[in-house]
Amino acid sequence: MVPIHIFLLFCLFGANFPPLGVEEGSRLSAVVDGRDSLDDGFSVLVENVERWEQNNEGQVGPSETPALSDVMNDPTRYRGDAMQVSGELQQRSKLEPPLEFIEEWFVRGNDGVPFVVYVVGLSRNVLNGQIAVYARFYKTIKLTGRDGTTRLFATFVTSGEAIVQSRDDGIFPMSLLLVPIVVVGALSVFLLCRIKTKRSPRLRKLSVDVEDVILAADDLATDLPDDPAEALALLHESAEELT
């Protein structure tokens, strides 16, 4: 499952496709599922996503994405719908001319179901790994794998600008990087407050004691006997009384 911070990026990033007109809808209705071929309906969606603009008002954002199994079971119902799909990009290749500006991406969905995305134009330096895509559903196609097994794939068409790459592979979100900094800062402030609290009373007490000794010494200075031994004994006795 793609982490929540990637979906938060979707909210900020946005994705909008121009609304499909009546004529475009009519051309899409002629699409035949199952065939491994790109027909007029594909051209309709390519033209549509080429006019994609980020966060442009009046355009169409992705609807709630159904399960891929539901889409493949009833492709006519979802034909041309804008959806949000995500998974692990496993393979990519360019189409043959004159469609060399389009790449075919094989993605394994987060639920394990593979699907195909046709990416129109340059993508944002996306590497193999977790990706999330805003796209329009095209049709289902049957492809034969290297093992000779024929499988049914849901296919989508999108702009290269409408793709988000997950950065979970070794890069933490900034919010998580701030946690240890905040903890260390709070601990430092707490320790400093404790040290200051312990030192302050001692300093005040030491200050009072010194002042008392000075005052007592001043008082005694005028009353000290002339004999040095007696004067020293009197000072010692006064000091013991103060402590």
C-alpha atoms as a PDB file:
ATOM      1  CA  MET A   1       0.000   0.000   0.000  1.00  0.00           C
ATOM      2  CA  VAL A   2       1.310   3.466  -0.921  1.00  0.00           C
ATOM      3  CA  PRO A   3       2.063   5.445   2.272  1.00  0.00           C
ATOM      4  CA  ILE A   4      -0.301   8.195   3.368  1.00  0.00           C
ATOM      5  CA  HIS A   5       2.232  10.983   2.726  1.00  0.00           C
ATOM      6  CA  ILE A   6       2.181  10.094  -0.973  1.00  0.00           C
ATOM      7  CA  PHE A   7      -1.600  10.619  -1.065  1.00  0.00           C
ATOM      8  CA  LEU A   8      -1.076  13.930   0.698  1.00  0.00           C
ATOM      9  CA  LEU A   9       1.240  14.815  -2.152  1.00  0.00           C
ATOM     10  CA  PHE A  10      -1.620  13.980  -4.528  1.00  0.00           C
ATOM     11  CA  CYS A  11      -3.825  16.535  -2.770  1.00  0.00           C
ATOM     12  CA  LEU A  12      -1.173  19.218  -3.241  1.00  0.00           C
ATOM     13  CA  PHE A  13      -0.138  18.086  -6.688  1.00  0.00           C
ATOM     14  CA  GLY A  14      -3.595  17.774  -8.201  1.00  0.00           C
ATOM     15  CA  ALA A  15      -4.497  16.294 -11.574  1.00  0.00           C
ATOM     16  CA  ASN A  16      -7.047  17.560 -14.028  1.00  0.00           C
ATOM     17  CA  PHE A  17      -8.147  16.335 -17.418  1.00  0.00           C
ATOM     18  CA  PRO A  18     -10.331  18.298 -19.847  1.00  0.00           C
ATOM     19  CA  PRO A  19     -13.928  17.014 -19.826  1.00  0.00           C
ATOM     20  CA  LEU A  20     -14.763  14.533 -22.558  1.00  0.00           C
ATOM     21  CA  GLY A  21     -17.243  15.936 -25.072  1.00  0.00           C
ATOM     22  CA  VAL A  22     -20.174  14.177 -26.723  1.00  0.00           C
ATOM     23  CA  GLU A  23     -18.184  13.460 -29.869  1.00  0.00           C
ATOM     24  CA  GLU A  24     -15.289  12.053 -27.864  1.00  0.00           C
ATOM     25  CA  GLY A  25     -17.692   9.871 -25.888  1.00  0.00           C
ATOM     26  CA  SER A  26     -19.157   8.567 -29.141  1.00  0.00           C
ATOM     27  CA  ARG A  27     -15.713   7.649 -30.442  1.00  0.00           C
ATOM     28  CA  LEU A  28     -14.894   5.882 -27.176  1.00  0.00           C
ATOM     29  CA  SER A  29     -18.073   3.818 -27.410  1.00  0.00           C
ATOM     30  CA  ALA A  30     -16.621   2.083 -30.472  1.00  0.00           C
ATOM     31  CA  VAL A  31     -13.660   0.703 -28.489  1.00  0.00           C
ATOM     32  CA  VAL A  32     -13.443  -3.099 -28.492  1.00  0.00           C
ATOM     33  CA  ASP A  33     -12.042  -4.752 -25.378  1.00  0.00           C
ATOM     34  CA  GLY A  34      -9.602  -7.647 -25.456  1.00  0.00           C
ATOM     35  CA  ARG A  35      -7.810  -6.686 -28.671  1.00  0.00           C
ATOM     36  CA  ASP A  36      -4.113  -5.920 -28.462  1.00  0.00           C
ATOM     37  CA  SER A  37      -4.414  -2.890 -30.714  1.00  0.00           C
ATOM     38  CA  LEU A  38      -4.662   0.880 -30.330  1.00  0.00           C
ATOM     39  CA  ASP A  39      -7.775   2.233 -32.023  1.00  0.00           C
ATOM     40  CA  ASP A  40      -9.508   5.585 -32.443  1.00  0.00           C
ATOM     41  CA  GLY A  41     -10.579   5.556 -28.802  1.00  0.00           C
ATOM     42  CA  PHE A  42      -6.912   5.550 -27.850  1.00  0.00           C
ATOM     43  CA  SER A  43      -6.368   8.675 -29.953  1.00  0.00           C
ATOM     44  CA  VAL A  44      -9.252  10.357 -28.127  1.00  0.00           C
ATOM     45  CA  LEU A  45      -7.626   9.783 -24.731  1.00  0.00           C
ATOM     46  CA  VAL A  46      -4.155  10.756 -25.958  1.00  0.00           C
ATOM     47  CA  GLU A  47      -5.518  14.080 -27.209  1.00  0.00           C
ATOM     48  CA  ASN A  48      -7.363  14.557 -23.932  1.00  0.00           C
ATOM     49  CA  VAL A  49      -4.432  13.960 -21.576  1.00  0.00           C
ATOM     50  CA  GLU A  50      -2.145  16.107 -23.745  1.00  0.00           C
ATOM     51  CA  ARG A  51      -4.325  19.018 -22.637  1.00  0.00           C
ATOM     52  CA  TRP A  52      -3.848  18.104 -18.981  1.00  0.00           C
ATOM     53  CA  GLU A  53      -3.002  21.055 -16.752  1.00  0.00           C
ATOM     54  CA  GLN A  54      -2.057  21.007 -13.087  1.00  0.00           C
ATOM     55  CA  ASN A  55      -4.767  22.351 -10.741  1.00  0.00           C
ATOM     56  CA  ASN A  56      -6.663  24.028 -13.562  1.00  0.00           C
ATOM     57  CA  GLU A  57     -10.198  25.044 -12.585  1.00  0.00           C
ATOM     58  CA  GLY A  58     -13.088  23.668 -14.583  1.00  0.00           C
ATOM     59  CA  GLN A  59     -11.350  20.413 -15.404  1.00  0.00           C
ATOM     60  CA  VAL A  60     -11.973  16.892 -14.206  1.00  0.00           C
ATOM     61  CA  GLY A  61     -10.089  15.338 -11.280  1.00  0.00           C
ATOM     62  CA  PRO A  62      -9.926  11.617 -10.494  1.00  0.00           C
ATOM     63  CA  SER A  63     -13.024   9.911  -9.177  1.00  0.00           C
ATOM     64  CA  GLU A  64     -13.046   7.255  -6.470  1.00  0.00           C
ATOM     65  CA  THR A  65     -11.074   4.399  -7.959  1.00  0.00           C
ATOM     66  CA  PRO A  66     -12.861   1.032  -8.136  1.00  0.00           C
ATOM     67  CA  ALA A  67     -11.042  -2.260  -7.795  1.00  0.00           C
ATOM     68  CA  LEU A  68      -9.199  -3.256 -10.958  1.00  0.00           C
ATOM     69  CA  SER A  69     -11.124  -6.518 -10.979  1.00  0.00           C
ATOM     70  CA  ASP A  70     -14.392  -4.532 -11.191  1.00  0.00           C
ATOM     71  CA  VAL A  71     -13.008  -2.414 -14.029  1.00  0.00           C
ATOM     72  CA  MET A  72     -11.956  -5.506 -15.997  1.00  0.00           C
ATOM     73  CA  ASN A  73     -15.290  -7.220 -15.386  1.00  0.00           C
ATOM     74  CA  ASP A  74     -17.276  -4.224 -16.711  1.00  0.00           C
ATOM     75  CA  PRO A  75     -14.921  -2.093 -18.842  1.00  0.00           C
ATOM     76  CA  THR A  76     -17.715  -0.346 -20.752  1.00  0.00           C
ATOM     77  CA  ARG A  77     -19.011   1.206 -17.522  1.00  0.00           C
ATOM     78  CA  TYR A  78     -15.642   2.800 -16.697  1.00  0.00           C
ATOM     79  CA  ARG A  79     -14.485   3.702 -20.212  1.00  0.00           C
ATOM     80  CA  GLY A  80     -12.808   7.124 -20.205  1.00  0.00           C
ATOM     81  CA  ASP A  81     -13.202   7.672 -16.436  1.00  0.00           C
ATOM     82  CA  ALA A  82     -10.455   9.551 -14.613  1.00  0.00           C
ATOM     83  CA  MET A  83      -9.011   7.350 -11.871  1.00  0.00           C
ATOM     84  CA  GLN A  84      -6.147   7.146  -9.421  1.00  0.00           C
ATOM     85  CA  VAL A  85      -4.069   3.965  -9.622  1.00  0.00           C
ATOM     86  CA  SER A  86      -0.818   3.023  -7.921  1.00  0.00           C
ATOM     87  CA  GLY A  87       1.674   0.199  -7.742  1.00  0.00           C
ATOM     88  CA  GLU A  88       5.220  -0.836  -8.588  1.00  0.00           C
ATOM     89  CA  LEU A  89       6.586   0.138 -11.994  1.00  0.00           C
ATOM     90  CA  GLN A  90       8.271  -2.985 -13.361  1.00  0.00           C
ATOM     91  CA  GLN A  91       8.858  -2.353 -17.052  1.00  0.00           C
ATOM     92  CA  ARG A  92       8.666   0.526 -19.525  1.00  0.00           C
ATOM     93  CA  SER A  93       9.227   0.864 -23.270  1.00  0.00           C
ATOM     94  CA  LYS A  94       8.447   3.296 -26.078  1.00  0.00           C
ATOM     95  CA  LEU A  95       5.797   2.591 -28.685  1.00  0.00           C
ATOM     96  CA  GLU A  96       6.747   2.282 -32.326  1.00  0.00           C
ATOM     97  CA  PRO A  97       6.622   5.386 -34.617  1.00  0.00           C
ATOM     98  CA  PRO A  98       4.577   7.469 -35.111  1.00  0.00           C
ATOM     99  CA  LEU A  99       3.705   7.005 -31.406  1.00  0.00           C
ATOM    100  CA  GLU A 100       7.280   7.117 -30.091  1.00  0.00           C
ATOM    101  CA  PHE A 101       6.301  10.021 -27.790  1.00  0.00           C
ATOM    102  CA  ILE A 102       4.230   7.506 -25.765  1.00  0.00           C
ATOM    103  CA  GLU A 103       5.639   4.953 -23.332  1.00  0.00           C
ATOM    104  CA  GLU A 104       4.000   1.673 -22.306  1.00  0.00           C
ATOM    105  CA  TRP A 105       4.420   1.020 -18.580  1.00  0.00           C
ATOM    106  CA  PHE A 106       3.706  -2.332 -16.923  1.00  0.00           C
ATOM    107  CA  VAL A 107       2.758  -1.780 -13.287  1.00  0.00           C
ATOM    108  CA  ARG A 108       1.949  -4.298 -10.565  1.00  0.00           C
ATOM    109  CA  GLY A 109      -0.878  -2.834  -8.493  1.00  0.00           C
ATOM    110  CA  ASN A 110      -0.777  -2.692  -4.718  1.00  0.00           C
ATOM    111  CA  ASP A 111      -3.316  -5.525  -4.666  1.00  0.00           C
ATOM    112  CA  GLY A 112      -1.038  -7.646  -6.855  1.00  0.00           C
ATOM    113  CA  VAL A 113      -3.081  -7.173 -10.039  1.00  0.00           C
ATOM    114  CA  PRO A 114      -0.922  -5.923 -12.967  1.00  0.00           C
ATOM    115  CA  PHE A 115      -2.098  -3.195 -15.331  1.00  0.00           C
ATOM    116  CA  VAL A 116      -0.751  -1.098 -18.207  1.00  0.00           C
ATOM    117  CA  VAL A 117      -0.350   2.681 -18.371  1.00  0.00           C
ATOM    118  CA  TYR A 118       0.296   4.543 -21.615  1.00  0.00           C
ATOM    119  CA  VAL A 119       2.258   7.662 -20.658  1.00  0.00           C
ATOM    120  CA  VAL A 120       2.025  10.569 -23.089  1.00  0.00           C
ATOM    121  CA  GLY A 121       5.014  12.912 -23.122  1.00  0.00           C
ATOM    122  CA  LEU A 122       7.931  13.167 -20.735  1.00  0.00           C
ATOM    123  CA  SER A 123       7.523  11.910 -17.183  1.00  0.00           C
ATOM    124  CA  ARG A 124       9.067  13.515 -14.081  1.00  0.00           C
ATOM    125  CA  ASN A 125      12.261  11.417 -14.049  1.00  0.00           C
ATOM    126  CA  VAL A 126      10.302   8.457 -12.692  1.00  0.00           C
ATOM    127  CA  LEU A 127      12.375   5.373 -11.929  1.00  0.00           C
ATOM    128  CA  ASN A 128      11.279   1.804 -11.374  1.00  0.00           C
ATOM    129  CA  GLY A 129       9.590   1.604  -7.966  1.00  0.00           C
ATOM    130  CA  GLN A 130       6.388   2.684  -6.285  1.00  0.00           C
ATOM    131  CA  ILE A 131       4.388   5.182  -8.335  1.00  0.00           C
ATOM    132  CA  ALA A 132       0.941   6.726  -8.255  1.00  0.00           C
ATOM    133  CA  VAL A 133      -0.852   7.789 -11.417  1.00  0.00           C
ATOM    134  CA  TYR A 134      -3.867   9.877 -12.380  1.00  0.00           C
ATOM    135  CA  ALA A 135      -5.162   8.433 -15.638  1.00  0.00           C
ATOM    136  CA  ARG A 136      -8.198   7.764 -17.804  1.00  0.00           C
ATOM    137  CA  PHE A 137      -9.285   4.165 -18.244  1.00  0.00           C
ATOM    138  CA  TYR A 138      -8.967   2.986 -21.843  1.00  0.00           C
ATOM    139  CA  LYS A 139      -9.880  -0.692 -22.209  1.00  0.00           C
ATOM    140  CA  THR A 140      -8.850  -4.247 -21.386  1.00  0.00           C
ATOM    141  CA  ILE A 141      -6.332  -6.070 -23.549  1.00  0.00           C
ATOM    142  CA  LYS A 142      -5.159  -9.670 -23.727  1.00  0.00           C
ATOM    143  CA  LEU A 143      -1.408 -10.192 -23.754  1.00  0.00           C
ATOM    144  CA  THR A 144       0.598 -13.382 -23.901  1.00  0.00           C
ATOM    145  CA  GLY A 145       3.523 -13.519 -21.507  1.00  0.00           C
ATOM    146  CA  ARG A 146       6.892 -15.182 -21.935  1.00  0.00           C
ATOM    147  CA  ASP A 147       5.516 -18.244 -20.197  1.00  0.00           C
ATOM    148  CA  GLY A 148       2.889 -18.585 -22.915  1.00  0.00           C
ATOM    149  CA  THR A 149       0.008 -17.661 -20.606  1.00  0.00           C
ATOM    150  CA  THR A 150      -2.553 -15.163 -21.908  1.00  0.00           C
ATOM    151  CA  ARG A 151      -3.656 -12.584 -19.363  1.00  0.00           C
ATOM    152  CA  LEU A 152      -6.165  -9.760 -19.314  1.00  0.00           C
ATOM    153  CA  PHE A 153      -4.877  -6.300 -18.407  1.00  0.00           C
ATOM    154  CA  ALA A 154      -6.643  -3.041 -17.651  1.00  0.00           C
ATOM    155  CA  THR A 155      -5.050  -0.186 -19.615  1.00  0.00           C
ATOM    156  CA  PHE A 156      -4.936   3.522 -18.810  1.00  0.00           C
ATOM    157  CA  VAL A 157      -3.786   6.665 -20.593  1.00  0.00           C
ATOM    158  CA  THR A 158      -2.178   9.593 -18.789  1.00  0.00           C
ATOM    159  CA  SER A 159       0.163  12.547 -19.114  1.00  0.00           C
ATOM    160  CA  GLY A 160       3.764  12.181 -17.980  1.00  0.00           C
ATOM    161  CA  GLU A 161       3.147  15.250 -15.801  1.00  0.00           C
ATOM    162  CA  ALA A 162       0.401  13.519 -13.797  1.00  0.00           C
ATOM    163  CA  ILE A 163       2.588  10.903 -12.114  1.00  0.00           C
ATOM    164  CA  VAL A 164       3.941  10.914  -8.569  1.00  0.00           C
ATOM    165  CA  GLN A 165       6.881   8.762  -7.473  1.00  0.00           C
ATOM    166  CA  SER A 166       6.977   7.332  -3.976  1.00  0.00           C
ATOM    167  CA  ARG A 167      10.237   8.090  -2.106  1.00  0.00           C
ATOM    168  CA  ASP A 168       9.977   5.369   0.541  1.00  0.00           C
ATOM    169  CA  ASP A 169      13.104   3.614  -0.670  1.00  0.00           C
ATOM    170  CA  GLY A 170      15.576   5.008   1.870  1.00  0.00           C
ATOM    171  CA  ILE A 171      14.252   8.569   2.072  1.00  0.00           C
ATOM    172  CA  PHE A 172      12.172   9.530   5.089  1.00  0.00           C
ATOM    173  CA  PRO A 173       9.448  12.179   5.075  1.00  0.00           C
ATOM    174  CA  MET A 174      10.604  15.528   6.449  1.00  0.00           C
ATOM    175  CA  SER A 175       8.055  15.291   9.265  1.00  0.00           C
ATOM    176  CA  LEU A 176       9.783  12.144  10.549  1.00  0.00           C
ATOM    177  CA  LEU A 177      13.206  13.780  10.364  1.00  0.00           C
ATOM    178  CA  LEU A 178      11.968  16.578  12.627  1.00  0.00           C
ATOM    179  CA  VAL A 179      10.917  14.187  15.403  1.00  0.00           C
ATOM    180  CA  PRO A 180      14.412  13.426  16.825  1.00  0.00           C
ATOM    181  CA  ILE A 181      15.357  17.110  16.548  1.00  0.00           C
ATOM    182  CA  VAL A 182      12.326  18.156  18.581  1.00  0.00           C
ATOM    183  CA  VAL A 183      12.941  15.405  21.161  1.00  0.00           C
ATOM    184  CA  VAL A 184      16.614  16.327  21.613  1.00  0.00           C
ATOM    185  CA  GLY A 185      15.737  20.019  21.881  1.00  0.00           C
ATOM    186  CA  ALA A 186      13.066  19.387  24.517  1.00  0.00           C
ATOM    187  CA  LEU A 187      15.423  17.132  26.504  1.00  0.00           C
ATOM    188  CA  SER A 188      18.163  19.776  26.413  1.00  0.00           C
ATOM    189  CA  VAL A 189      15.812  22.476  27.709  1.00  0.00           C
ATOM    190  CA  PHE A 190      14.603  20.146  30.479  1.00  0.00           C
ATOM    191  CA  LEU A 191      18.154  19.327  31.622  1.00  0.00           C
ATOM    192  CA  LEU A 192      19.201  22.972  31.582  1.00  0.00           C
ATOM    193  CA  CYS A 193      16.199  23.912  33.714  1.00  0.00           C
ATOM    194  CA  ARG A 194      17.029  21.144  36.205  1.00  0.00           C
ATOM    195  CA  ILE A 195      20.670  22.256  36.470  1.00  0.00           C
ATOM    196  CA  LYS A 196      19.676  25.896  36.922  1.00  0.00           C
ATOM    197  CA  THR A 197      17.126  24.963  39.591  1.00  0.00           C
ATOM    198  CA  LYS A 198      19.721  22.968  41.554  1.00  0.00           C
ATOM    199  CA  ARG A 199      22.415  25.626  41.339  1.00  0.00           C
ATOM    200  CA  SER A 200      20.353  28.709  42.193  1.00  0.00           C
ATOM    201  CA  PRO A 201      19.564  27.920  45.888  1.00  0.00           C
ATOM    202  CA  ARG A 202      23.193  27.009  46.559  1.00  0.00           C
ATOM    203  CA  LEU A 203      24.404  30.279  45.100  1.00  0.00           C
ATOM    204  CA  ARG A 204      21.891  32.263  47.110  1.00  0.00           C
ATOM    205  CA  LYS A 205      22.839  30.394  50.308  1.00  0.00           C
ATOM    206  CA  LEU A 206      26.539  30.866  49.635  1.00  0.00           C
ATOM    207  CA  SER A 207      25.986  34.571  49.070  1.00  0.00           C
ATOM    208  CA  VAL A 208      24.104  34.937  52.348  1.00  0.00           C
ATOM    209  CA  ASP A 209      26.787  33.031  54.271  1.00  0.00           C
ATOM    210  CA  VAL A 210      29.617  35.211  52.984  1.00  0.00           C
ATOM    211  CA  GLU A 211      27.733  38.384  53.792  1.00  0.00           C
ATOM    212  CA  ASP A 212      27.033  37.143  57.332  1.00  0.00           C
ATOM    213  CA  VAL A 213      30.686  36.332  57.854  1.00  0.00           C
ATOM    214  CA  ILE A 214      31.757  39.756  56.600  1.00  0.00           C
ATOM    215  CA  LEU A 215      29.265  41.524  58.866  1.00  0.00           C
ATOM    216  CA  ALA A 216      30.263  39.400  61.820  1.00  0.00           C
ATOM    217  CA  ALA A 217      33.917  40.086  61.125  1.00  0.00           C
ATOM    218  CA  ASP A 218      33.224  43.799  60.979  1.00  0.00           C
ATOM    219  CA  ASP A 219      31.405  43.666  64.310  1.00  0.00           C
ATOM    220  CA  LEU A 220      34.172  41.647  65.907  1.00  0.00           C
ATOM    221  CA  ALA A 221      36.924  43.782  64.483  1.00  0.00           C
ATOM    222  CA  THR A 222      36.114  46.568  66.910  1.00  0.00           C
ATOM    223  CA  ASP A 223      35.877  44.262  69.935  1.00  0.00           C
ATOM    224  CA  LEU A 224      38.852  41.979  69.382  1.00  0.00           C
ATOM    225  CA  PRO A 225      41.299  41.792  72.289  1.00  0.00           C
ATOM    226  CA  ASP A 226      44.829  43.040  71.781  1.00  0.00           C
ATOM    227  CA  ASP A 227      46.358  39.595  72.427  1.00  0.00           C
ATOM    228  CA  PRO A 228      46.607  37.760  69.023  1.00  0.00           C
ATOM    229  CA  ALA A 229      45.935  34.314  70.510  1.00  0.00           C
ATOM    230  CA  GLU A 230      42.815  35.500  72.271  1.00  0.00           C
ATOM    231  CA  ALA A 231      41.652  37.370  69.125  1.00  0.00           C
ATOM    232  CA  LEU A 232      42.141  34.242  66.962  1.00  0.00           C
ATOM    233  CA  ALA A 233      40.259  32.088  69.449  1.00  0.00           C
ATOM    234  CA  LEU A 234      37.376  34.570  69.473  1.00  0.00           C
ATOM    235  CA  LEU A 235      37.190  34.624  65.678  1.00  0.00           C
ATOM    236  CA  HIS A 236      37.192  30.805  65.564  1.00  0.00           C
ATOM    237  CA  GLU A 237      34.390  30.671  68.114  1.00  0.00           C
ATOM    238  CA  SER A 238      32.317  33.187  66.141  1.00  0.00           C
ATOM    239  CA  ALA A 239      32.762  31.235  62.926  1.00  0.00           C
ATOM    240  CA  GLU A 240      31.532  28.031  64.578  1.00  0.00           C
ATOM    241  CA  GLU A 241      28.410  29.852  65.809  1.00  0.00           C
ATOM    242  CA  LEU A 242      27.630  31.023  62.264  1.00  0.00           C
ATOM    243  CA  THR A 243      27.891  27.508  60.830  1.00  0.00           C
END
